[in-house]
Amino acid sequence: MTSVRIPAGWPATEEQARAVQDELRGRVVLDEAGPPPGTGRVTGVDVAYDDERDLVVAAAVVLDAASLDVVAEATAVGQVSFPYVPGLLAFREIPTVLAALDALPCAPGLVVCDGYGRAHPRRFGLAGHLGVLTGLPTIGVAKNPFTFSYDEPGALRGSSSPLLAHGPTGEEEVGRALRTRDGVKPVFVSVGHRVGLDNACAHTLALTPRYRLPESTRLADSLCRRALKEATP
């Protein structure tokens, strides 16, 4: 397991973090379709916290996109690098997630985050932040819709509906509510970097042959929890 220090110059205040978000958000690429589902590799990333020790553990699990077999995995542990502030959670997690990705023995391909991309109050969640910093295609697949609204999609797997932000200029589609299992609560898909929304949904369906959540992040979550028990700062 890789041990991570808080990077020099890392934002220490909300004002500093928002300034970084504003600067990096302008680098997001939204006009690329991204890799076709079922090709290359797909990597799930997730994090887990030990609040008593102020630790965060990140895991990265690489799958063969066609078979969903595990190709590689890596973990990293570090001190929590930013206080808990809604909308700024990436600043608590990014250094450790980057270290886990860097520790992989192979290229990760598409990265799937347990969280948000465009579906974020400032349109720059973890998936977007991670994509800009690494240059990798990224998507976010979240368990809940955050602050956004949606109409319930159809009951069958593959049904979807827009995830909408409501603002002074009207509605904006920031993602999709996507049904990955018949009759089961949808997941909430948003693009991060270098992937289109239709393709992000197609990847999510390809990664959910048996469960509601993508196999990539489901396995990363399990690895995180195991690693947290063994973690030392």
C-alpha atoms as a PDB file:
ATOM      1  CA  MET A   1       0.000   0.000   0.000  1.00  0.00           C
ATOM      2  CA  THR A   2       1.356   3.424  -0.980  1.00  0.00           C
ATOM      3  CA  SER A   3       1.631   6.070   1.756  1.00  0.00           C
ATOM      4  CA  VAL A   4       0.684   9.611   0.719  1.00  0.00           C
ATOM      5  CA  ARG A   5       1.575  13.002   2.146  1.00  0.00           C
ATOM      6  CA  ILE A   6      -0.567  16.095   1.644  1.00  0.00           C
ATOM      7  CA  PRO A   7       0.962  17.872  -1.375  1.00  0.00           C
ATOM      8  CA  ALA A   8       2.791  21.143  -0.830  1.00  0.00           C
ATOM      9  CA  GLY A   9       0.562  24.084  -1.661  1.00  0.00           C
ATOM     10  CA  TRP A  10      -2.645  22.044  -1.352  1.00  0.00           C
ATOM     11  CA  PRO A  11      -5.688  24.315  -0.745  1.00  0.00           C
ATOM     12  CA  ALA A  12      -6.314  24.917   2.943  1.00  0.00           C
ATOM     13  CA  THR A  13      -9.444  27.103   2.786  1.00  0.00           C
ATOM     14  CA  GLU A  14     -12.798  27.002   0.983  1.00  0.00           C
ATOM     15  CA  GLU A  15     -11.858  30.121  -0.974  1.00  0.00           C
ATOM     16  CA  GLN A  16      -8.625  28.540  -2.215  1.00  0.00           C
ATOM     17  CA  ALA A  17     -10.361  25.286  -3.151  1.00  0.00           C
ATOM     18  CA  ARG A  18     -13.099  27.053  -5.099  1.00  0.00           C
ATOM     19  CA  ALA A  19     -10.476  29.051  -6.994  1.00  0.00           C
ATOM     20  CA  VAL A  20      -8.781  25.787  -8.004  1.00  0.00           C
ATOM     21  CA  GLN A  21     -12.138  24.345  -9.091  1.00  0.00           C
ATOM     22  CA  ASP A  22     -12.832  27.402 -11.220  1.00  0.00           C
ATOM     23  CA  GLU A  23      -9.445  27.183 -12.906  1.00  0.00           C
ATOM     24  CA  LEU A  24      -9.509  23.419 -13.566  1.00  0.00           C
ATOM     25  CA  ARG A  25     -13.153  23.302 -14.649  1.00  0.00           C
ATOM     26  CA  GLY A  26     -12.226  25.275 -17.766  1.00  0.00           C
ATOM     27  CA  ARG A  27      -9.983  22.391 -18.856  1.00  0.00           C
ATOM     28  CA  VAL A  28     -12.740  19.752 -18.909  1.00  0.00           C
ATOM     29  CA  VAL A  29     -13.204  18.180 -22.358  1.00  0.00           C
ATOM     30  CA  LEU A  30     -16.862  17.487 -23.128  1.00  0.00           C
ATOM     31  CA  ASP A  31     -16.751  16.972 -26.907  1.00  0.00           C
ATOM     32  CA  GLU A  32     -15.151  13.508 -26.991  1.00  0.00           C
ATOM     33  CA  ALA A  33     -17.298  10.366 -27.077  1.00  0.00           C
ATOM     34  CA  GLY A  34     -14.793   8.290 -25.118  1.00  0.00           C
ATOM     35  CA  PRO A  35     -13.774   4.645 -25.541  1.00  0.00           C
ATOM     36  CA  PRO A  36     -16.430   2.168 -26.721  1.00  0.00           C
ATOM     37  CA  PRO A  37     -17.962   0.012 -23.957  1.00  0.00           C
ATOM     38  CA  GLY A  38     -16.508  -3.470 -23.698  1.00  0.00           C
ATOM     39  CA  THR A  39     -13.087  -2.484 -25.034  1.00  0.00           C
ATOM     40  CA  GLY A  40      -9.752  -1.955 -23.323  1.00  0.00           C
ATOM     41  CA  ARG A  41      -9.676  -1.531 -19.559  1.00  0.00           C
ATOM     42  CA  VAL A  42     -11.987   0.071 -17.030  1.00  0.00           C
ATOM     43  CA  THR A  43     -10.816   1.113 -13.573  1.00  0.00           C
ATOM     44  CA  GLY A  44     -13.000   1.710 -10.556  1.00  0.00           C
ATOM     45  CA  VAL A  45     -11.817   4.036  -7.799  1.00  0.00           C
ATOM     46  CA  ASP A  46     -13.279   4.505  -4.340  1.00  0.00           C
ATOM     47  CA  VAL A  47     -12.258   5.823  -0.931  1.00  0.00           C
ATOM     48  CA  ALA A  48     -12.918   4.957   2.707  1.00  0.00           C
ATOM     49  CA  TYR A  49     -12.277   7.001   5.845  1.00  0.00           C
ATOM     50  CA  ASP A  50     -11.084   6.302   9.371  1.00  0.00           C
ATOM     51  CA  ASP A  51     -12.306   9.426  11.181  1.00  0.00           C
ATOM     52  CA  GLU A  52     -10.645   8.515  14.487  1.00  0.00           C
ATOM     53  CA  ARG A  53      -7.208   8.432  12.866  1.00  0.00           C
ATOM     54  CA  ASP A  54      -7.983  11.108  10.243  1.00  0.00           C
ATOM     55  CA  LEU A  55      -7.043   8.679   7.462  1.00  0.00           C
ATOM     56  CA  VAL A  56      -8.343   8.176   3.953  1.00  0.00           C
ATOM     57  CA  VAL A  57      -7.683   5.030   1.929  1.00  0.00           C
ATOM     58  CA  ALA A  58      -8.130   4.899  -1.838  1.00  0.00           C
ATOM     59  CA  ALA A  59      -8.401   1.815  -4.008  1.00  0.00           C
ATOM     60  CA  ALA A  60      -8.130   1.376  -7.772  1.00  0.00           C
ATOM     61  CA  VAL A  61      -9.273  -1.867  -9.405  1.00  0.00           C
ATOM     62  CA  VAL A  62      -8.582  -2.451 -13.110  1.00  0.00           C
ATOM     63  CA  LEU A  63     -10.958  -4.702 -15.058  1.00  0.00           C
ATOM     64  CA  ASP A  64     -10.802  -6.103 -18.548  1.00  0.00           C
ATOM     65  CA  ALA A  65     -13.761  -4.255 -20.061  1.00  0.00           C
ATOM     66  CA  ALA A  66     -14.949  -7.259 -22.089  1.00  0.00           C
ATOM     67  CA  SER A  67     -14.819  -9.993 -19.438  1.00  0.00           C
ATOM     68  CA  LEU A  68     -14.897  -7.826 -16.264  1.00  0.00           C
ATOM     69  CA  ASP A  69     -12.052  -9.956 -14.914  1.00  0.00           C
ATOM     70  CA  VAL A  70      -9.693  -8.178 -12.504  1.00  0.00           C
ATOM     71  CA  VAL A  71      -6.423  -7.216 -14.201  1.00  0.00           C
ATOM     72  CA  ALA A  72      -4.707  -5.252 -11.417  1.00  0.00           C
ATOM     73  CA  GLU A  73      -5.367  -3.398  -8.199  1.00  0.00           C
ATOM     74  CA  ALA A  74      -3.620  -0.919  -5.929  1.00  0.00           C
ATOM     75  CA  THR A  75      -4.283   0.987  -2.718  1.00  0.00           C
ATOM     76  CA  ALA A  76      -2.921   4.103  -1.044  1.00  0.00           C
ATOM     77  CA  VAL A  77      -3.363   5.661   2.404  1.00  0.00           C
ATOM     78  CA  GLY A  78      -2.897   9.238   3.532  1.00  0.00           C
ATOM     79  CA  GLN A  79      -4.012  11.907   5.941  1.00  0.00           C
ATOM     80  CA  VAL A  80      -7.304  13.585   5.083  1.00  0.00           C
ATOM     81  CA  SER A  81      -6.155  16.627   3.121  1.00  0.00           C
ATOM     82  CA  PHE A  82      -9.130  18.997   3.492  1.00  0.00           C
ATOM     83  CA  PRO A  83     -12.021  19.535   5.934  1.00  0.00           C
ATOM     84  CA  TYR A  84     -15.471  18.229   5.096  1.00  0.00           C
ATOM     85  CA  VAL A  85     -17.250  20.852   2.964  1.00  0.00           C
ATOM     86  CA  PRO A  86     -20.139  19.846   0.664  1.00  0.00           C
ATOM     87  CA  GLY A  87     -19.143  20.434  -2.953  1.00  0.00           C
ATOM     88  CA  LEU A  88     -15.429  20.271  -2.139  1.00  0.00           C
ATOM     89  CA  LEU A  89     -15.082  16.592  -1.260  1.00  0.00           C
ATOM     90  CA  ALA A  90     -12.578  15.973  -4.060  1.00  0.00           C
ATOM     91  CA  PHE A  91      -9.996  17.956  -2.113  1.00  0.00           C
ATOM     92  CA  ARG A  92     -10.195  15.366   0.689  1.00  0.00           C
ATOM     93  CA  GLU A  93      -9.602  12.469  -1.674  1.00  0.00           C
ATOM     94  CA  ILE A  94      -7.664  13.430  -4.800  1.00  0.00           C
ATOM     95  CA  PRO A  95      -4.061  13.031  -3.498  1.00  0.00           C
ATOM     96  CA  THR A  96      -4.737   9.489  -2.273  1.00  0.00           C
ATOM     97  CA  VAL A  97      -6.738   8.477  -5.353  1.00  0.00           C
ATOM     98  CA  LEU A  98      -3.946   9.751  -7.606  1.00  0.00           C
ATOM     99  CA  ALA A  99      -1.413   7.720  -5.623  1.00  0.00           C
ATOM    100  CA  ALA A 100      -3.495   4.555  -6.003  1.00  0.00           C
ATOM    101  CA  LEU A 101      -3.753   5.107  -9.773  1.00  0.00           C
ATOM    102  CA  ASP A 102      -0.021   5.807 -10.002  1.00  0.00           C
ATOM    103  CA  ALA A 103       0.694   2.525  -8.184  1.00  0.00           C
ATOM    104  CA  LEU A 104      -1.081   0.437 -10.815  1.00  0.00           C
ATOM    105  CA  PRO A 105       1.207  -1.699 -13.006  1.00  0.00           C
ATOM    106  CA  CYS A 106      -0.816  -0.939 -16.140  1.00  0.00           C
ATOM    107  CA  ALA A 107      -2.709   1.907 -17.792  1.00  0.00           C
ATOM    108  CA  PRO A 108      -6.171   2.298 -16.215  1.00  0.00           C
ATOM    109  CA  GLY A 109      -8.221   3.105 -19.315  1.00  0.00           C
ATOM    110  CA  LEU A 110     -11.620   4.611 -18.506  1.00  0.00           C
ATOM    111  CA  VAL A 111     -11.913   5.564 -14.824  1.00  0.00           C
ATOM    112  CA  VAL A 112     -15.250   5.165 -13.033  1.00  0.00           C
ATOM    113  CA  CYS A 113     -15.674   7.140  -9.807  1.00  0.00           C
ATOM    114  CA  ASP A 114     -18.143   6.433  -7.035  1.00  0.00           C
ATOM    115  CA  GLY A 115     -19.429  10.001  -7.159  1.00  0.00           C
ATOM    116  CA  TYR A 116     -20.118  12.867  -9.508  1.00  0.00           C
ATOM    117  CA  GLY A 117     -18.754  14.658 -12.531  1.00  0.00           C
ATOM    118  CA  ARG A 118     -20.931  17.375 -14.088  1.00  0.00           C
ATOM    119  CA  ALA A 119     -23.662  16.527 -11.585  1.00  0.00           C
ATOM    120  CA  HIS A 120     -22.130  18.871  -9.028  1.00  0.00           C
ATOM    121  CA  PRO A 121     -23.169  22.351  -7.823  1.00  0.00           C
ATOM    122  CA  ARG A 122     -20.092  23.838  -9.508  1.00  0.00           C
ATOM    123  CA  ARG A 123     -20.157  21.290 -12.380  1.00  0.00           C
ATOM    124  CA  PHE A 124     -16.839  19.850 -11.258  1.00  0.00           C
ATOM    125  CA  GLY A 125     -17.090  16.805  -9.037  1.00  0.00           C
ATOM    126  CA  LEU A 126     -14.458  14.167  -8.340  1.00  0.00           C
ATOM    127  CA  ALA A 127     -14.726  12.568 -11.796  1.00  0.00           C
ATOM    128  CA  GLY A 128     -14.060  15.862 -13.571  1.00  0.00           C
ATOM    129  CA  HIS A 129     -11.266  16.843 -11.185  1.00  0.00           C
ATOM    130  CA  LEU A 130      -9.557  13.474 -11.545  1.00  0.00           C
ATOM    131  CA  GLY A 131      -9.944  13.483 -15.318  1.00  0.00           C
ATOM    132  CA  VAL A 132      -8.391  16.915 -15.763  1.00  0.00           C
ATOM    133  CA  LEU A 133      -5.429  16.088 -13.518  1.00  0.00           C
ATOM    134  CA  THR A 134      -4.699  12.732 -15.170  1.00  0.00           C
ATOM    135  CA  GLY A 135      -5.913  13.334 -18.720  1.00  0.00           C
ATOM    136  CA  LEU A 136      -7.872  10.057 -18.506  1.00  0.00           C
ATOM    137  CA  PRO A 137     -11.483   9.599 -19.631  1.00  0.00           C
ATOM    138  CA  THR A 138     -13.627   9.594 -16.485  1.00  0.00           C
ATOM    139  CA  ILE A 139     -17.259   9.213 -15.458  1.00  0.00           C
ATOM    140  CA  GLY A 140     -19.113   9.403 -12.168  1.00  0.00           C
ATOM    141  CA  VAL A 141     -21.732   6.881 -11.067  1.00  0.00           C
ATOM    142  CA  ALA A 142     -23.415   7.930  -7.836  1.00  0.00           C
ATOM    143  CA  LYS A 143     -25.904   6.239  -5.540  1.00  0.00           C
ATOM    144  CA  ASN A 144     -28.089   9.335  -5.059  1.00  0.00           C
ATOM    145  CA  PRO A 145     -29.002  12.439  -7.100  1.00  0.00           C
ATOM    146  CA  PHE A 146     -27.277  14.968  -4.807  1.00  0.00           C
ATOM    147  CA  THR A 147     -29.246  18.232  -5.086  1.00  0.00           C
ATOM    148  CA  PHE A 148     -30.687  17.574  -8.550  1.00  0.00           C
ATOM    149  CA  SER A 149     -34.142  16.478  -9.707  1.00  0.00           C
ATOM    150  CA  TYR A 150     -35.311  13.746 -12.076  1.00  0.00           C
ATOM    151  CA  ASP A 151     -38.410  11.912 -13.198  1.00  0.00           C
ATOM    152  CA  GLU A 152     -38.471   8.253 -12.296  1.00  0.00           C
ATOM    153  CA  PRO A 153     -37.171   6.284 -15.305  1.00  0.00           C
ATOM    154  CA  GLY A 154     -39.033   3.265 -16.664  1.00  0.00           C
ATOM    155  CA  ALA A 155     -38.930   0.086 -14.609  1.00  0.00           C
ATOM    156  CA  LEU A 156     -36.796  -1.928 -17.038  1.00  0.00           C
ATOM    157  CA  ARG A 157     -33.009  -2.091 -17.081  1.00  0.00           C
ATOM    158  CA  GLY A 158     -31.586   0.535 -19.435  1.00  0.00           C
ATOM    159  CA  SER A 159     -34.386   3.053 -18.873  1.00  0.00           C
ATOM    160  CA  SER A 160     -33.174   6.563 -18.081  1.00  0.00           C
ATOM    161  CA  SER A 161     -34.323  10.116 -17.467  1.00  0.00           C
ATOM    162  CA  PRO A 162     -32.472  13.453 -17.353  1.00  0.00           C
ATOM    163  CA  LEU A 163     -30.879  14.553 -14.092  1.00  0.00           C
ATOM    164  CA  LEU A 164     -31.683  18.254 -13.996  1.00  0.00           C
ATOM    165  CA  ALA A 165     -30.249  21.360 -12.374  1.00  0.00           C
ATOM    166  CA  HIS A 166     -32.677  24.269 -12.039  1.00  0.00           C
ATOM    167  CA  GLY A 167     -31.211  27.759 -12.265  1.00  0.00           C
ATOM    168  CA  PRO A 168     -32.083  31.322 -13.222  1.00  0.00           C
ATOM    169  CA  THR A 169     -31.573  30.538 -16.908  1.00  0.00           C
ATOM    170  CA  GLY A 170     -33.713  27.380 -16.853  1.00  0.00           C
ATOM    171  CA  GLU A 171     -33.033  23.655 -16.668  1.00  0.00           C
ATOM    172  CA  GLU A 172     -29.688  22.041 -17.420  1.00  0.00           C
ATOM    173  CA  GLU A 173     -29.134  18.325 -17.897  1.00  0.00           C
ATOM    174  CA  VAL A 174     -26.141  17.434 -15.727  1.00  0.00           C
ATOM    175  CA  GLY A 175     -26.478  13.653 -15.905  1.00  0.00           C
ATOM    176  CA  ARG A 176     -28.947  10.789 -16.121  1.00  0.00           C
ATOM    177  CA  ALA A 177     -30.903   8.638 -13.730  1.00  0.00           C
ATOM    178  CA  LEU A 178     -30.222   5.163 -15.134  1.00  0.00           C
ATOM    179  CA  ARG A 179     -31.970   1.904 -14.235  1.00  0.00           C
ATOM    180  CA  THR A 180     -29.323  -0.835 -14.129  1.00  0.00           C
ATOM    181  CA  ARG A 181     -31.619  -3.582 -12.769  1.00  0.00           C
ATOM    182  CA  ASP A 182     -35.311  -4.138 -13.452  1.00  0.00           C
ATOM    183  CA  GLY A 183     -37.395  -2.470 -10.753  1.00  0.00           C
ATOM    184  CA  VAL A 184     -34.368  -1.395  -8.683  1.00  0.00           C
ATOM    185  CA  LYS A 185     -33.522   2.184  -7.682  1.00  0.00           C
ATOM    186  CA  PRO A 186     -31.573   3.942 -10.457  1.00  0.00           C
ATOM    187  CA  VAL A 187     -27.977   5.117 -10.292  1.00  0.00           C
ATOM    188  CA  PHE A 188     -26.956   8.635 -11.324  1.00  0.00           C
ATOM    189  CA  VAL A 189     -24.459   8.919 -14.151  1.00  0.00           C
ATOM    190  CA  SER A 190     -22.549  12.054 -15.104  1.00  0.00           C
ATOM    191  CA  VAL A 191     -19.559  12.719 -17.308  1.00  0.00           C
ATOM    192  CA  GLY A 192     -16.219  13.722 -15.873  1.00  0.00           C
ATOM    193  CA  HIS A 193     -13.745  14.260 -18.714  1.00  0.00           C
ATOM    194  CA  ARG A 194     -13.358  13.084 -22.329  1.00  0.00           C
ATOM    195  CA  VAL A 195     -16.563  10.969 -22.342  1.00  0.00           C
ATOM    196  CA  GLY A 196     -20.051  11.747 -23.665  1.00  0.00           C
ATOM    197  CA  LEU A 197     -23.145  11.173 -21.544  1.00  0.00           C
ATOM    198  CA  ASP A 198     -24.672   8.534 -23.840  1.00  0.00           C
ATOM    199  CA  ASN A 199     -21.408   6.605 -23.751  1.00  0.00           C
ATOM    200  CA  ALA A 200     -21.119   7.017 -19.968  1.00  0.00           C
ATOM    201  CA  CYS A 201     -24.530   5.386 -19.593  1.00  0.00           C
ATOM    202  CA  ALA A 202     -23.554   2.590 -21.998  1.00  0.00           C
ATOM    203  CA  HIS A 203     -20.406   1.902 -19.971  1.00  0.00           C
ATOM    204  CA  THR A 204     -22.454   1.838 -16.774  1.00  0.00           C
ATOM    205  CA  LEU A 205     -24.821  -0.757 -18.222  1.00  0.00           C
ATOM    206  CA  ALA A 206     -21.872  -2.840 -19.458  1.00  0.00           C
ATOM    207  CA  LEU A 207     -20.454  -2.779 -15.909  1.00  0.00           C
ATOM    208  CA  THR A 208     -23.682  -3.863 -14.205  1.00  0.00           C
ATOM    209  CA  PRO A 209     -24.522  -7.351 -15.519  1.00  0.00           C
ATOM    210  CA  ARG A 210     -25.500  -8.609 -12.043  1.00  0.00           C
ATOM    211  CA  TYR A 211     -25.679  -5.743  -9.564  1.00  0.00           C
ATOM    212  CA  ARG A 212     -27.126  -2.233  -9.327  1.00  0.00           C
ATOM    213  CA  LEU A 213     -23.677  -0.634  -8.996  1.00  0.00           C
ATOM    214  CA  PRO A 214     -20.817  -0.969 -11.502  1.00  0.00           C
ATOM    215  CA  GLU A 215     -18.549  -3.950 -10.941  1.00  0.00           C
ATOM    216  CA  SER A 216     -15.563  -1.588 -11.095  1.00  0.00           C
ATOM    217  CA  THR A 217     -16.496   0.594  -8.128  1.00  0.00           C
ATOM    218  CA  ARG A 218     -18.164  -2.283  -6.260  1.00  0.00           C
ATOM    219  CA  LEU A 219     -14.835  -4.124  -6.203  1.00  0.00           C
ATOM    220  CA  ALA A 220     -12.931  -0.931  -5.380  1.00  0.00           C
ATOM    221  CA  ASP A 221     -15.226  -0.369  -2.395  1.00  0.00           C
ATOM    222  CA  SER A 222     -14.526  -3.902  -1.091  1.00  0.00           C
ATOM    223  CA  LEU A 223     -10.779  -3.434  -1.538  1.00  0.00           C
ATOM    224  CA  CYS A 224     -10.940  -0.068   0.262  1.00  0.00           C
ATOM    225  CA  ARG A 225     -12.631  -1.560   3.272  1.00  0.00           C
ATOM    226  CA  ARG A 226     -10.100  -4.368   3.525  1.00  0.00           C
ATOM    227  CA  ALA A 227      -7.193  -1.968   3.119  1.00  0.00           C
ATOM    228  CA  LEU A 228      -8.557   0.416   5.761  1.00  0.00           C
ATOM    229  CA  LYS A 229      -8.289  -2.312   8.387  1.00  0.00           C
ATOM    230  CA  GLU A 230      -4.579  -2.677   7.588  1.00  0.00           C
ATOM    231  CA  ALA A 231      -3.805   1.013   7.069  1.00  0.00           C
ATOM    232  CA  THR A 232      -1.161   2.958   8.917  1.00  0.00           C
ATOM    233  CA  PRO A 233      -0.464   6.623   8.149  1.00  0.00           C
END
